[in-house]
Amino acid sequence: MKLRSDGKNQSGDDPPGRLLRQYVFPALNLSVSQAARDLGITRQTLHRILAGDAAITPEMAVRLERLCGVHSTFWLERQQRYDLPRVRKEIANILTRIPARLLPEEIIEQIGARDGR
């Protein structure tokens, strides 16, 4: 498990924008303004991503890959690990009303969902 400088894990508890603010931009000597210009987005949009108020989209992930060399799938997976637990909690009462209709194992295998993805 990777640890942050404050000793907490990087398991996805934080919005991925926090990694940009704490690690990526400082390592690249980028201000938020310069990073926004380089990414071709507004400062407001970037601030929303950094605060976790806006998600890293596939398009933004590709832009970040170009900017810092970290693969776009990393950014998307981090966003997903941040979002899914929050959404599950937010809609827990709705989920209890949805019937679980489980697919047969052979269909799960055919569609490539064996590992849960």
PDB file of N, CA and C in Angstrom:
ATOM      1  N   MET A   1       0.839  -1.170   0.000  1.00  0.00           N
ATOM      2  CA  MET A   1       0.000   0.000   0.000  1.00  0.00           C
ATOM      3  C   MET A   1       0.889   1.239   0.000  1.00  0.00           C
ATOM      4  N   LYS A   2       0.585   2.155  -0.897  1.00  0.00           N
ATOM      5  CA  LYS A   2       1.322   3.414  -0.970  1.00  0.00           C
ATOM      6  C   LYS A   2       0.823   4.348   0.117  1.00  0.00           C
ATOM      7  N   LEU A   3       1.747   5.083   0.701  1.00  0.00           N
ATOM      8  CA  LEU A   3       1.379   6.046   1.724  1.00  0.00           C
ATOM      9  C   LEU A   3       1.630   7.446   1.248  1.00  0.00           C
ATOM     10  N   ARG A   4       0.763   8.328   1.651  1.00  0.00           N
ATOM     11  CA  ARG A   4       0.969   9.744   1.383  1.00  0.00           C
ATOM     12  C   ARG A   4       1.944  10.272   2.412  1.00  0.00           C
ATOM     13  N   SER A   5       2.379  11.486   2.219  1.00  0.00           N
ATOM     14  CA  SER A   5       3.313  12.080   3.171  1.00  0.00           C
ATOM     15  C   SER A   5       2.691  12.225   4.551  1.00  0.00           C
ATOM     16  N   ASP A   6       1.351  12.274   4.641  1.00  0.00           N
ATOM     17  CA  ASP A   6       0.699  12.374   5.945  1.00  0.00           C
ATOM     18  C   ASP A   6       0.391  11.000   6.530  1.00  0.00           C
ATOM     19  N   GLY A   7       0.864   9.923   5.863  1.00  0.00           N
ATOM     20  CA  GLY A   7       0.712   8.582   6.384  1.00  0.00           C
ATOM     21  C   GLY A   7      -0.575   7.879   5.995  1.00  0.00           C
ATOM     22  N   LYS A   8      -1.496   8.559   5.349  1.00  0.00           N
ATOM     23  CA  LYS A   8      -2.748   7.926   4.928  1.00  0.00           C
ATOM     24  C   LYS A   8      -2.516   7.146   3.641  1.00  0.00           C
ATOM     25  N   ASN A   9      -3.391   6.168   3.382  1.00  0.00           N
ATOM     26  CA  ASN A   9      -3.215   5.384   2.161  1.00  0.00           C
ATOM     27  C   ASN A   9      -3.793   6.114   0.959  1.00  0.00           C
ATOM     28  N   GLN A  10      -3.383   5.656  -0.212  1.00  0.00           N
ATOM     29  CA  GLN A  10      -3.870   6.225  -1.471  1.00  0.00           C
ATOM     30  C   GLN A  10      -4.807   5.230  -2.137  1.00  0.00           C
ATOM     31  N   SER A  11      -5.710   4.662  -1.365  1.00  0.00           N
ATOM     32  CA  SER A  11      -6.576   3.599  -1.870  1.00  0.00           C
ATOM     33  C   SER A  11      -7.726   4.107  -2.713  1.00  0.00           C
ATOM     34  N   GLY A  12      -7.897   5.401  -2.808  1.00  0.00           N
ATOM     35  CA  GLY A  12      -9.010   5.931  -3.564  1.00  0.00           C
ATOM     36  C   GLY A  12      -9.965   6.705  -2.679  1.00  0.00           C
ATOM     37  N   ASP A  13      -9.631   6.852  -1.397  1.00  0.00           N
ATOM     38  CA  ASP A  13     -10.484   7.583  -0.468  1.00  0.00           C
ATOM     39  C   ASP A  13     -10.601   9.052  -0.855  1.00  0.00           C
ATOM     40  N   ASP A  14      -9.583   9.576  -1.451  1.00  0.00           N
ATOM     41  CA  ASP A  14      -9.544  10.980  -1.847  1.00  0.00           C
ATOM     42  C   ASP A  14      -9.896  11.124  -3.317  1.00  0.00           C
ATOM     43  N   PRO A  15     -10.434  12.271  -3.702  1.00  0.00           N
ATOM     44  CA  PRO A  15     -10.652  12.489  -5.133  1.00  0.00           C
ATOM     45  C   PRO A  15      -9.306  12.504  -5.860  1.00  0.00           C
ATOM     46  N   PRO A  16      -9.261  11.989  -7.071  1.00  0.00           N
ATOM     47  CA  PRO A  16      -7.986  11.950  -7.784  1.00  0.00           C
ATOM     48  C   PRO A  16      -7.406  13.332  -8.035  1.00  0.00           C
ATOM     49  N   GLY A  17      -8.249  14.350  -8.047  1.00  0.00           N
ATOM     50  CA  GLY A  17      -7.736  15.707  -8.197  1.00  0.00           C
ATOM     51  C   GLY A  17      -6.780  16.100  -7.091  1.00  0.00           C
ATOM     52  N   ARG A  18      -6.962  15.502  -5.924  1.00  0.00           N
ATOM     53  CA  ARG A  18      -6.058  15.791  -4.819  1.00  0.00           C
ATOM     54  C   ARG A  18      -4.631  15.334  -5.137  1.00  0.00           C
ATOM     55  N   LEU A  19      -4.503  14.226  -5.870  1.00  0.00           N
ATOM     56  CA  LEU A  19      -3.166  13.774  -6.293  1.00  0.00           C
ATOM     57  C   LEU A  19      -2.516  14.796  -7.212  1.00  0.00           C
ATOM     58  N   LEU A  20      -3.334  15.377  -8.072  1.00  0.00           N
ATOM     59  CA  LEU A  20      -2.805  16.409  -8.961  1.00  0.00           C
ATOM     60  C   LEU A  20      -2.270  17.581  -8.150  1.00  0.00           C
ATOM     61  N   ARG A  21      -3.068  18.032  -7.193  1.00  0.00           N
ATOM     62  CA  ARG A  21      -2.681  19.197  -6.383  1.00  0.00           C
ATOM     63  C   ARG A  21      -1.478  18.904  -5.492  1.00  0.00           C
ATOM     64  N   GLN A  22      -1.459  17.734  -4.846  1.00  0.00           N
ATOM     65  CA  GLN A  22      -0.425  17.447  -3.864  1.00  0.00           C
ATOM     66  C   GLN A  22       0.877  16.931  -4.464  1.00  0.00           C
ATOM     67  N   TYR A  23       0.796  16.229  -5.579  1.00  0.00           N
ATOM     68  CA  TYR A  23       1.987  15.554  -6.099  1.00  0.00           C
ATOM     69  C   TYR A  23       2.368  15.970  -7.517  1.00  0.00           C
ATOM     70  N   VAL A  24       1.404  15.880  -8.426  1.00  0.00           N
ATOM     71  CA  VAL A  24       1.729  16.033  -9.842  1.00  0.00           C
ATOM     72  C   VAL A  24       2.142  17.458 -10.179  1.00  0.00           C
ATOM     73  N   PHE A  25       1.309  18.424  -9.874  1.00  0.00           N
ATOM     74  CA  PHE A  25       1.635  19.809 -10.244  1.00  0.00           C
ATOM     75  C   PHE A  25       2.890  20.318  -9.543  1.00  0.00           C
ATOM     76  N   PRO A  26       3.072  20.043  -8.242  1.00  0.00           N
ATOM     77  CA  PRO A  26       4.331  20.465  -7.619  1.00  0.00           C
ATOM     78  C   PRO A  26       5.561  19.816  -8.259  1.00  0.00           C
ATOM     79  N   ALA A  27       5.456  18.523  -8.592  1.00  0.00           N
ATOM     80  CA  ALA A  27       6.602  17.831  -9.202  1.00  0.00           C
ATOM     81  C   ALA A  27       6.942  18.390 -10.576  1.00  0.00           C
ATOM     82  N   LEU A  28       5.928  18.926 -11.257  1.00  0.00           N
ATOM     83  CA  LEU A  28       6.143  19.511 -12.584  1.00  0.00           C
ATOM     84  C   LEU A  28       6.358  21.028 -12.515  1.00  0.00           C
ATOM     85  N   ASN A  29       6.406  21.563 -11.301  1.00  0.00           N
ATOM     86  CA  ASN A  29       6.549  23.005 -11.092  1.00  0.00           C
ATOM     87  C   ASN A  29       5.461  23.784 -11.825  1.00  0.00           C
ATOM     88  N   LEU A  30       4.232  23.302 -11.708  1.00  0.00           N
ATOM     89  CA  LEU A  30       3.111  23.942 -12.378  1.00  0.00           C
ATOM     90  C   LEU A  30       2.180  24.600 -11.373  1.00  0.00           C
ATOM     91  N   SER A  31       1.818  25.818 -11.644  1.00  0.00           N
ATOM     92  CA  SER A  31       0.740  26.453 -10.892  1.00  0.00           C
ATOM     93  C   SER A  31      -0.574  25.936 -11.461  1.00  0.00           C
ATOM     94  N   VAL A  32      -1.651  26.160 -10.731  1.00  0.00           N
ATOM     95  CA  VAL A  32      -2.962  25.769 -11.235  1.00  0.00           C
ATOM     96  C   VAL A  32      -3.267  26.512 -12.531  1.00  0.00           C
ATOM     97  N   SER A  33      -2.914  27.794 -12.573  1.00  0.00           N
ATOM     98  CA  SER A  33      -3.170  28.586 -13.784  1.00  0.00           C
ATOM     99  C   SER A  33      -2.417  28.024 -14.980  1.00  0.00           C
ATOM    100  N   GLN A  34      -1.145  27.694 -14.785  1.00  0.00           N
ATOM    101  CA  GLN A  34      -0.348  27.168 -15.894  1.00  0.00           C
ATOM    102  C   GLN A  34      -0.839  25.786 -16.304  1.00  0.00           C
ATOM    103  N   ALA A  35      -1.179  24.960 -15.330  1.00  0.00           N
ATOM    104  CA  ALA A  35      -1.690  23.622 -15.642  1.00  0.00           C
ATOM    105  C   ALA A  35      -2.989  23.721 -16.441  1.00  0.00           C
ATOM    106  N   ALA A  36      -3.860  24.637 -16.048  1.00  0.00           N
ATOM    107  CA  ALA A  36      -5.110  24.822 -16.788  1.00  0.00           C
ATOM    108  C   ALA A  36      -4.836  25.254 -18.223  1.00  0.00           C
ATOM    109  N   ARG A  37      -3.906  26.176 -18.390  1.00  0.00           N
ATOM    110  CA  ARG A  37      -3.548  26.611 -19.754  1.00  0.00           C
ATOM    111  C   ARG A  37      -2.982  25.441 -20.556  1.00  0.00           C
ATOM    112  N   ASP A  38      -2.069  24.689 -19.943  1.00  0.00           N
ATOM    113  CA  ASP A  38      -1.458  23.559 -20.638  1.00  0.00           C
ATOM    114  C   ASP A  38      -2.498  22.506 -21.027  1.00  0.00           C
ATOM    115  N   LEU A  39      -3.469  22.298 -20.146  1.00  0.00           N
ATOM    116  CA  LEU A  39      -4.509  21.294 -20.405  1.00  0.00           C
ATOM    117  C   LEU A  39      -5.595  21.799 -21.347  1.00  0.00           C
ATOM    118  N   GLY A  40      -5.620  23.111 -21.572  1.00  0.00           N
ATOM    119  CA  GLY A  40      -6.629  23.684 -22.453  1.00  0.00           C
ATOM    120  C   GLY A  40      -8.003  23.762 -21.812  1.00  0.00           C
ATOM    121  N   ILE A  41      -8.026  23.987 -20.489  1.00  0.00           N
ATOM    122  CA  ILE A  41      -9.288  24.101 -19.761  1.00  0.00           C
ATOM    123  C   ILE A  41      -9.253  25.379 -18.923  1.00  0.00           C
ATOM    124  N   THR A  42     -10.410  25.756 -18.391  1.00  0.00           N
ATOM    125  CA  THR A  42     -10.444  26.949 -17.555  1.00  0.00           C
ATOM    126  C   THR A  42      -9.896  26.624 -16.167  1.00  0.00           C
ATOM    127  N   ARG A  43      -9.438  27.658 -15.483  1.00  0.00           N
ATOM    128  CA  ARG A  43      -8.982  27.481 -14.101  1.00  0.00           C
ATOM    129  C   ARG A  43     -10.134  26.989 -13.232  1.00  0.00           C
ATOM    130  N   GLN A  44     -11.321  27.498 -13.488  1.00  0.00           N
ATOM    131  CA  GLN A  44     -12.483  27.087 -12.707  1.00  0.00           C
ATOM    132  C   GLN A  44     -12.724  25.584 -12.843  1.00  0.00           C
ATOM    133  N   THR A  45     -12.638  25.074 -14.051  1.00  0.00           N
ATOM    134  CA  THR A  45     -12.816  23.632 -14.265  1.00  0.00           C
ATOM    135  C   THR A  45     -11.748  22.851 -13.513  1.00  0.00           C
ATOM    136  N   LEU A  46     -10.511  23.298 -13.607  1.00  0.00           N
ATOM    137  CA  LEU A  46      -9.437  22.593 -12.918  1.00  0.00           C
ATOM    138  C   LEU A  46      -9.615  22.665 -11.404  1.00  0.00           C
ATOM    139  N   HIS A  47     -10.008  23.800 -10.882  1.00  0.00           N
ATOM    140  CA  HIS A  47     -10.245  23.918  -9.434  1.00  0.00           C
ATOM    141  C   HIS A  47     -11.337  22.947  -8.989  1.00  0.00           C
ATOM    142  N   ARG A  48     -12.371  22.778  -9.798  1.00  0.00           N
ATOM    143  CA  ARG A  48     -13.451  21.849  -9.459  1.00  0.00           C
ATOM    144  C   ARG A  48     -12.940  20.404  -9.436  1.00  0.00           C
ATOM    145  N   ILE A  49     -12.047  20.060 -10.352  1.00  0.00           N
ATOM    146  CA  ILE A  49     -11.446  18.720 -10.364  1.00  0.00           C
ATOM    147  C   ILE A  49     -10.564  18.541  -9.127  1.00  0.00           C
ATOM    148  N   LEU A  50      -9.748  19.530  -8.833  1.00  0.00           N
ATOM    149  CA  LEU A  50      -8.834  19.443  -7.698  1.00  0.00           C
ATOM    150  C   LEU A  50      -9.591  19.291  -6.379  1.00  0.00           C
ATOM    151  N   ALA A  51     -10.749  19.927  -6.285  1.00  0.00           N
ATOM    152  CA  ALA A  51     -11.556  19.867  -5.061  1.00  0.00           C
ATOM    153  C   ALA A  51     -12.424  18.612  -4.989  1.00  0.00           C
ATOM    154  N   GLY A  52     -12.503  17.867  -6.071  1.00  0.00           N
ATOM    155  CA  GLY A  52     -13.353  16.684  -6.093  1.00  0.00           C
ATOM    156  C   GLY A  52     -14.797  16.995  -6.419  1.00  0.00           C
ATOM    157  N   ASP A  53     -15.062  18.216  -6.847  1.00  0.00           N
ATOM    158  CA  ASP A  53     -16.423  18.611  -7.215  1.00  0.00           C
ATOM    159  C   ASP A  53     -16.749  18.254  -8.657  1.00  0.00           C
ATOM    160  N   ALA A  54     -15.747  17.957  -9.450  1.00  0.00           N
ATOM    161  CA  ALA A  54     -15.928  17.522 -10.838  1.00  0.00           C
ATOM    162  C   ALA A  54     -15.064  16.275 -11.046  1.00  0.00           C
ATOM    163  N   ALA A  55     -15.588  15.353 -11.812  1.00  0.00           N
ATOM    164  CA  ALA A  55     -14.886  14.091 -12.064  1.00  0.00           C
ATOM    165  C   ALA A  55     -13.853  14.249 -13.174  1.00  0.00           C
ATOM    166  N   ILE A  56     -12.866  13.377 -13.139  1.00  0.00           N
ATOM    167  CA  ILE A  56     -11.927  13.267 -14.254  1.00  0.00           C
ATOM    168  C   ILE A  56     -12.610  12.398 -15.307  1.00  0.00           C
ATOM    169  N   THR A  57     -12.918  13.000 -16.421  1.00  0.00           N
ATOM    170  CA  THR A  57     -13.594  12.320 -17.527  1.00  0.00           C
ATOM    171  C   THR A  57     -12.554  11.603 -18.392  1.00  0.00           C
ATOM    172  N   PRO A  58     -12.996  10.733 -19.292  1.00  0.00           N
ATOM    173  CA  PRO A  58     -12.033  10.121 -20.212  1.00  0.00           C
ATOM    174  C   PRO A  58     -11.223  11.165 -20.990  1.00  0.00           C
ATOM    175  N   GLU A  59     -11.878  12.234 -21.431  1.00  0.00           N
ATOM    176  CA  GLU A  59     -11.143  13.274 -22.158  1.00  0.00           C
ATOM    177  C   GLU A  59     -10.085  13.918 -21.275  1.00  0.00           C
ATOM    178  N   MET A  60     -10.445  14.225 -20.036  1.00  0.00           N
ATOM    179  CA  MET A  60      -9.472  14.843 -19.126  1.00  0.00           C
ATOM    180  C   MET A  60      -8.346  13.865 -18.808  1.00  0.00           C
ATOM    181  N   ALA A  61      -8.678  12.585 -18.668  1.00  0.00           N
ATOM    182  CA  ALA A  61      -7.654  11.584 -18.388  1.00  0.00           C
ATOM    183  C   ALA A  61      -6.617  11.529 -19.512  1.00  0.00           C
ATOM    184  N   VAL A  62      -7.074  11.638 -20.745  1.00  0.00           N
ATOM    185  CA  VAL A  62      -6.151  11.636 -21.886  1.00  0.00           C
ATOM    186  C   VAL A  62      -5.295  12.903 -21.869  1.00  0.00           C
ATOM    187  N   ARG A  63      -5.895  14.030 -21.527  1.00  0.00           N
ATOM    188  CA  ARG A  63      -5.126  15.283 -21.426  1.00  0.00           C
ATOM    189  C   ARG A  63      -4.074  15.170 -20.328  1.00  0.00           C
ATOM    190  N   LEU A  64      -4.458  14.597 -19.185  1.00  0.00           N
ATOM    191  CA  LEU A  64      -3.507  14.433 -18.082  1.00  0.00           C
ATOM    192  C   LEU A  64      -2.379  13.484 -18.464  1.00  0.00           C
ATOM    193  N   GLU A  65      -2.718  12.442 -19.206  1.00  0.00           N
ATOM    194  CA  GLU A  65      -1.684  11.508 -19.675  1.00  0.00           C
ATOM    195  C   GLU A  65      -0.645  12.253 -20.509  1.00  0.00           C
ATOM    196  N   ARG A  66      -1.116  13.096 -21.377  1.00  0.00           N
ATOM    197  CA  ARG A  66      -0.206  13.878 -22.213  1.00  0.00           C
ATOM    198  C   ARG A  66       0.629  14.834 -21.362  1.00  0.00           C
ATOM    199  N   LEU A  67      -0.001  15.451 -20.382  1.00  0.00           N
ATOM    200  CA  LEU A  67       0.680  16.446 -19.553  1.00  0.00           C
ATOM    201  C   LEU A  67       1.768  15.840 -18.678  1.00  0.00           C
ATOM    202  N   CYS A  68       1.460  14.711 -18.024  1.00  0.00           N
ATOM    203  CA  CYS A  68       2.409  14.223 -17.014  1.00  0.00           C
ATOM    204  C   CYS A  68       2.929  12.817 -17.259  1.00  0.00           C
ATOM    205  N   GLY A  69       2.421  12.136 -18.277  1.00  0.00           N
ATOM    206  CA  GLY A  69       2.941  10.810 -18.600  1.00  0.00           C
ATOM    207  C   GLY A  69       2.329   9.670 -17.802  1.00  0.00           C
ATOM    208  N   VAL A  70       1.372   9.969 -16.934  1.00  0.00           N
ATOM    209  CA  VAL A  70       0.675   8.913 -16.185  1.00  0.00           C
ATOM    210  C   VAL A  70      -0.514   8.460 -17.031  1.00  0.00           C
ATOM    211  N   HIS A  71      -0.592   7.166 -17.276  1.00  0.00           N
ATOM    212  CA  HIS A  71      -1.574   6.618 -18.212  1.00  0.00           C
ATOM    213  C   HIS A  71      -2.997   7.035 -17.849  1.00  0.00           C
ATOM    214  N   SER A  72      -3.786   7.266 -18.866  1.00  0.00           N
ATOM    215  CA  SER A  72      -5.168   7.717 -18.676  1.00  0.00           C
ATOM    216  C   SER A  72      -6.001   6.728 -17.871  1.00  0.00           C
ATOM    217  N   THR A  73      -5.737   5.432 -18.005  1.00  0.00           N
ATOM    218  CA  THR A  73      -6.506   4.455 -17.238  1.00  0.00           C
ATOM    219  C   THR A  73      -6.279   4.613 -15.736  1.00  0.00           C
ATOM    220  N   PHE A  74      -5.089   5.050 -15.333  1.00  0.00           N
ATOM    221  CA  PHE A  74      -4.842   5.303 -13.908  1.00  0.00           C
ATOM    222  C   PHE A  74      -5.821   6.346 -13.386  1.00  0.00           C
ATOM    223  N   TRP A  75      -5.943   7.453 -14.118  1.00  0.00           N
ATOM    224  CA  TRP A  75      -6.810   8.540 -13.669  1.00  0.00           C
ATOM    225  C   TRP A  75      -8.271   8.106 -13.634  1.00  0.00           C
ATOM    226  N   LEU A  76      -8.694   7.343 -14.642  1.00  0.00           N
ATOM    227  CA  LEU A  76     -10.083   6.880 -14.682  1.00  0.00           C
ATOM    228  C   LEU A  76     -10.365   5.858 -13.578  1.00  0.00           C
ATOM    229  N   GLU A  77      -9.426   4.966 -13.327  1.00  0.00           N
ATOM    230  CA  GLU A  77      -9.616   3.987 -12.261  1.00  0.00           C
ATOM    231  C   GLU A  77      -9.642   4.662 -10.900  1.00  0.00           C
ATOM    232  N   ARG A  78      -8.784   5.662 -10.699  1.00  0.00           N
ATOM    233  CA  ARG A  78      -8.812   6.408  -9.428  1.00  0.00           C
ATOM    234  C   ARG A  78     -10.149   7.118  -9.256  1.00  0.00           C
ATOM    235  N   GLN A  79     -10.668   7.705 -10.318  1.00  0.00           N
ATOM    236  CA  GLN A  79     -11.951   8.382 -10.241  1.00  0.00           C
ATOM    237  C   GLN A  79     -13.047   7.381  -9.883  1.00  0.00           C
ATOM    238  N   GLN A  80     -13.007   6.231 -10.520  1.00  0.00           N
ATOM    239  CA  GLN A  80     -14.009   5.206 -10.265  1.00  0.00           C
ATOM    240  C   GLN A  80     -13.925   4.697  -8.826  1.00  0.00           C
ATOM    241  N   ARG A  81     -12.714   4.471  -8.324  1.00  0.00           N
ATOM    242  CA  ARG A  81     -12.551   4.009  -6.939  1.00  0.00           C
ATOM    243  C   ARG A  81     -13.033   5.054  -5.943  1.00  0.00           C
ATOM    244  N   TYR A  82     -12.953   6.314  -6.322  1.00  0.00           N
ATOM    245  CA  TYR A  82     -13.466   7.387  -5.474  1.00  0.00           C
ATOM    246  C   TYR A  82     -14.993   7.470  -5.561  1.00  0.00           C
ATOM    247  N   ASP A  83     -15.529   7.347  -6.767  1.00  0.00           N
ATOM    248  CA  ASP A  83     -16.962   7.547  -6.991  1.00  0.00           C
ATOM    249  C   ASP A  83     -17.845   6.390  -6.519  1.00  0.00           C
ATOM    250  N   LEU A  84     -17.464   5.155  -6.829  1.00  0.00           N
ATOM    251  CA  LEU A  84     -18.354   4.026  -6.583  1.00  0.00           C
ATOM    252  C   LEU A  84     -18.770   3.863  -5.123  1.00  0.00           C
ATOM    253  N   PRO A  85     -17.867   3.893  -4.167  1.00  0.00           N
ATOM    254  CA  PRO A  85     -18.316   3.763  -2.770  1.00  0.00           C
ATOM    255  C   PRO A  85     -19.265   4.887  -2.347  1.00  0.00           C
ATOM    256  N   ARG A  86     -19.010   6.091  -2.812  1.00  0.00           N
ATOM    257  CA  ARG A  86     -19.882   7.224  -2.473  1.00  0.00           C
ATOM    258  C   ARG A  86     -21.277   7.018  -3.061  1.00  0.00           C
ATOM    259  N   VAL A  87     -21.331   6.597  -4.320  1.00  0.00           N
ATOM    260  CA  VAL A  87     -22.623   6.393  -4.977  1.00  0.00           C
ATOM    261  C   VAL A  87     -23.380   5.247  -4.314  1.00  0.00           C
ATOM    262  N   ARG A  88     -22.689   4.162  -4.012  1.00  0.00           N
ATOM    263  CA  ARG A  88     -23.359   3.033  -3.347  1.00  0.00           C
ATOM    264  C   ARG A  88     -23.995   3.476  -2.036  1.00  0.00           C
ATOM    265  N   LYS A  89     -23.289   4.289  -1.301  1.00  0.00           N
ATOM    266  CA  LYS A  89     -23.812   4.789  -0.028  1.00  0.00           C
ATOM    267  C   LYS A  89     -24.989   5.734  -0.263  1.00  0.00           C
ATOM    268  N   GLU A  90     -24.854   6.619  -1.241  1.00  0.00           N
ATOM    269  CA  GLU A  90     -25.901   7.602  -1.520  1.00  0.00           C
ATOM    270  C   GLU A  90     -27.214   6.963  -1.958  1.00  0.00           C
ATOM    271  N   ILE A  91     -27.130   5.867  -2.701  1.00  0.00           N
ATOM    272  CA  ILE A  91     -28.363   5.259  -3.222  1.00  0.00           C
ATOM    273  C   ILE A  91     -28.662   3.910  -2.574  1.00  0.00           C
ATOM    274  N   ALA A  92     -28.127   3.671  -1.403  1.00  0.00           N
ATOM    275  CA  ALA A  92     -28.305   2.377  -0.730  1.00  0.00           C
ATOM    276  C   ALA A  92     -29.777   1.999  -0.592  1.00  0.00           C
ATOM    277  N   ASN A  93     -30.625   2.956  -0.252  1.00  0.00           N
ATOM    278  CA  ASN A  93     -32.045   2.627  -0.076  1.00  0.00           C
ATOM    279  C   ASN A  93     -32.710   2.263  -1.406  1.00  0.00           C
ATOM    280  N   ILE A  94     -32.263   2.828  -2.491  1.00  0.00           N
ATOM    281  CA  ILE A  94     -32.795   2.486  -3.814  1.00  0.00           C
ATOM    282  C   ILE A  94     -32.323   1.088  -4.219  1.00  0.00           C
ATOM    283  N   LEU A  95     -31.060   0.792  -3.939  1.00  0.00           N
ATOM    284  CA  LEU A  95     -30.502  -0.505  -4.327  1.00  0.00           C
ATOM    285  C   LEU A  95     -31.240  -1.666  -3.669  1.00  0.00           C
ATOM    286  N   THR A  96     -31.725  -1.465  -2.459  1.00  0.00           N
ATOM    287  CA  THR A  96     -32.440  -2.551  -1.780  1.00  0.00           C
ATOM    288  C   THR A  96     -33.750  -2.904  -2.476  1.00  0.00           C
ATOM    289  N   ARG A  97     -34.269  -1.994  -3.288  1.00  0.00           N
ATOM    290  CA  ARG A  97     -35.531  -2.245  -4.003  1.00  0.00           C
ATOM    291  C   ARG A  97     -35.315  -2.830  -5.396  1.00  0.00           C
ATOM    292  N   ILE A  98     -34.075  -2.938  -5.837  1.00  0.00           N
ATOM    293  CA  ILE A  98     -33.774  -3.500  -7.156  1.00  0.00           C
ATOM    294  C   ILE A  98     -33.524  -4.992  -6.993  1.00  0.00           C
ATOM    295  N   PRO A  99     -34.291  -5.826  -7.707  1.00  0.00           N
ATOM    296  CA  PRO A  99     -34.076  -7.275  -7.568  1.00  0.00           C
ATOM    297  C   PRO A  99     -32.720  -7.681  -8.157  1.00  0.00           C
ATOM    298  N   ALA A 100     -32.070  -8.606  -7.485  1.00  0.00           N
ATOM    299  CA  ALA A 100     -30.795  -9.139  -7.968  1.00  0.00           C
ATOM    300  C   ALA A 100     -31.080 -10.314  -8.881  1.00  0.00           C
ATOM    301  N   ARG A 101     -30.836 -10.151 -10.160  1.00  0.00           N
ATOM    302  CA  ARG A 101     -31.044 -11.205 -11.155  1.00  0.00           C
ATOM    303  C   ARG A 101     -29.676 -11.583 -11.701  1.00  0.00           C
ATOM    304  N   LEU A 102     -29.061 -12.569 -11.091  1.00  0.00           N
ATOM    305  CA  LEU A 102     -27.683 -12.916 -11.388  1.00  0.00           C
ATOM    306  C   LEU A 102     -27.558 -13.703 -12.687  1.00  0.00           C
ATOM    307  N   LEU A 103     -26.569 -13.321 -13.470  1.00  0.00           N
ATOM    308  CA  LEU A 103     -26.294 -14.008 -14.731  1.00  0.00           C
ATOM    309  C   LEU A 103     -25.686 -15.381 -14.483  1.00  0.00           C
ATOM    310  N   PRO A 104     -25.941 -16.325 -15.380  1.00  0.00           N
ATOM    311  CA  PRO A 104     -25.257 -17.618 -15.298  1.00  0.00           C
ATOM    312  C   PRO A 104     -23.749 -17.422 -15.498  1.00  0.00           C
ATOM    313  N   GLU A 105     -22.981 -18.278 -14.862  1.00  0.00           N
ATOM    314  CA  GLU A 105     -21.520 -18.184 -14.923  1.00  0.00           C
ATOM    315  C   GLU A 105     -20.987 -18.169 -16.355  1.00  0.00           C
ATOM    316  N   GLU A 106     -21.586 -18.972 -17.252  1.00  0.00           N
ATOM    317  CA  GLU A 106     -21.070 -19.024 -18.629  1.00  0.00           C
ATOM    318  C   GLU A 106     -21.259 -17.681 -19.350  1.00  0.00           C
ATOM    319  N   ILE A 107     -22.312 -16.956 -19.041  1.00  0.00           N
ATOM    320  CA  ILE A 107     -22.516 -15.638 -19.653  1.00  0.00           C
ATOM    321  C   ILE A 107     -21.510 -14.640 -19.081  1.00  0.00           C
ATOM    322  N   ILE A 108     -21.288 -14.713 -17.797  1.00  0.00           N
ATOM    323  CA  ILE A 108     -20.283 -13.839 -17.170  1.00  0.00           C
ATOM    324  C   ILE A 108     -18.930 -14.059 -17.835  1.00  0.00           C
ATOM    325  N   GLU A 109     -18.604 -15.310 -18.075  1.00  0.00           N
ATOM    326  CA  GLU A 109     -17.340 -15.650 -18.743  1.00  0.00           C
ATOM    327  C   GLU A 109     -17.333 -15.106 -20.177  1.00  0.00           C
ATOM    328  N   GLN A 110     -18.418 -15.296 -20.912  1.00  0.00           N
ATOM    329  CA  GLN A 110     -18.483 -14.866 -22.310  1.00  0.00           C
ATOM    330  C   GLN A 110     -18.316 -13.360 -22.470  1.00  0.00           C
ATOM    331  N   ILE A 111     -18.851 -12.599 -21.541  1.00  0.00           N
ATOM    332  CA  ILE A 111     -18.736 -11.141 -21.685  1.00  0.00           C
ATOM    333  C   ILE A 111     -17.473 -10.586 -21.041  1.00  0.00           C
ATOM    334  N   GLY A 112     -16.646 -11.473 -20.462  1.00  0.00           N
ATOM    335  CA  GLY A 112     -15.376 -11.036 -19.908  1.00  0.00           C
ATOM    336  C   GLY A 112     -15.492 -10.332 -18.570  1.00  0.00           C
ATOM    337  N   ALA A 113     -16.519 -10.672 -17.806  1.00  0.00           N
ATOM    338  CA  ALA A 113     -16.737 -10.003 -16.515  1.00  0.00           C
ATOM    339  C   ALA A 113     -16.312 -10.868 -15.337  1.00  0.00           C
ATOM    340  N   ARG A 114     -15.497 -11.848 -15.561  1.00  0.00           N
ATOM    341  CA  ARG A 114     -15.080 -12.776 -14.507  1.00  0.00           C
ATOM    342  C   ARG A 114     -14.428 -12.042 -13.339  1.00  0.00           C
ATOM    343  N   ASP A 115     -13.631 -11.033 -13.624  1.00  0.00           N
ATOM    344  CA  ASP A 115     -12.920 -10.332 -12.554  1.00  0.00           C
ATOM    345  C   ASP A 115     -13.724  -9.188 -11.951  1.00  0.00           C
ATOM    346  N   GLY A 116     -15.006  -9.115 -12.262  1.00  0.00           N
ATOM    347  CA  GLY A 116     -15.854  -8.090 -11.677  1.00  0.00           C
ATOM    348  C   GLY A 116     -15.918  -6.790 -12.448  1.00  0.00           C
ATOM    349  N   ARG A 117     -15.261  -6.718 -13.569  1.00  0.00           N
ATOM    350  CA  ARG A 117     -15.280  -5.487 -14.369  1.00  0.00           C
ATOM    351  C   ARG A 117     -16.178  -5.622 -15.558  1.00  0.00           C
TER     352      ARG A 117
END
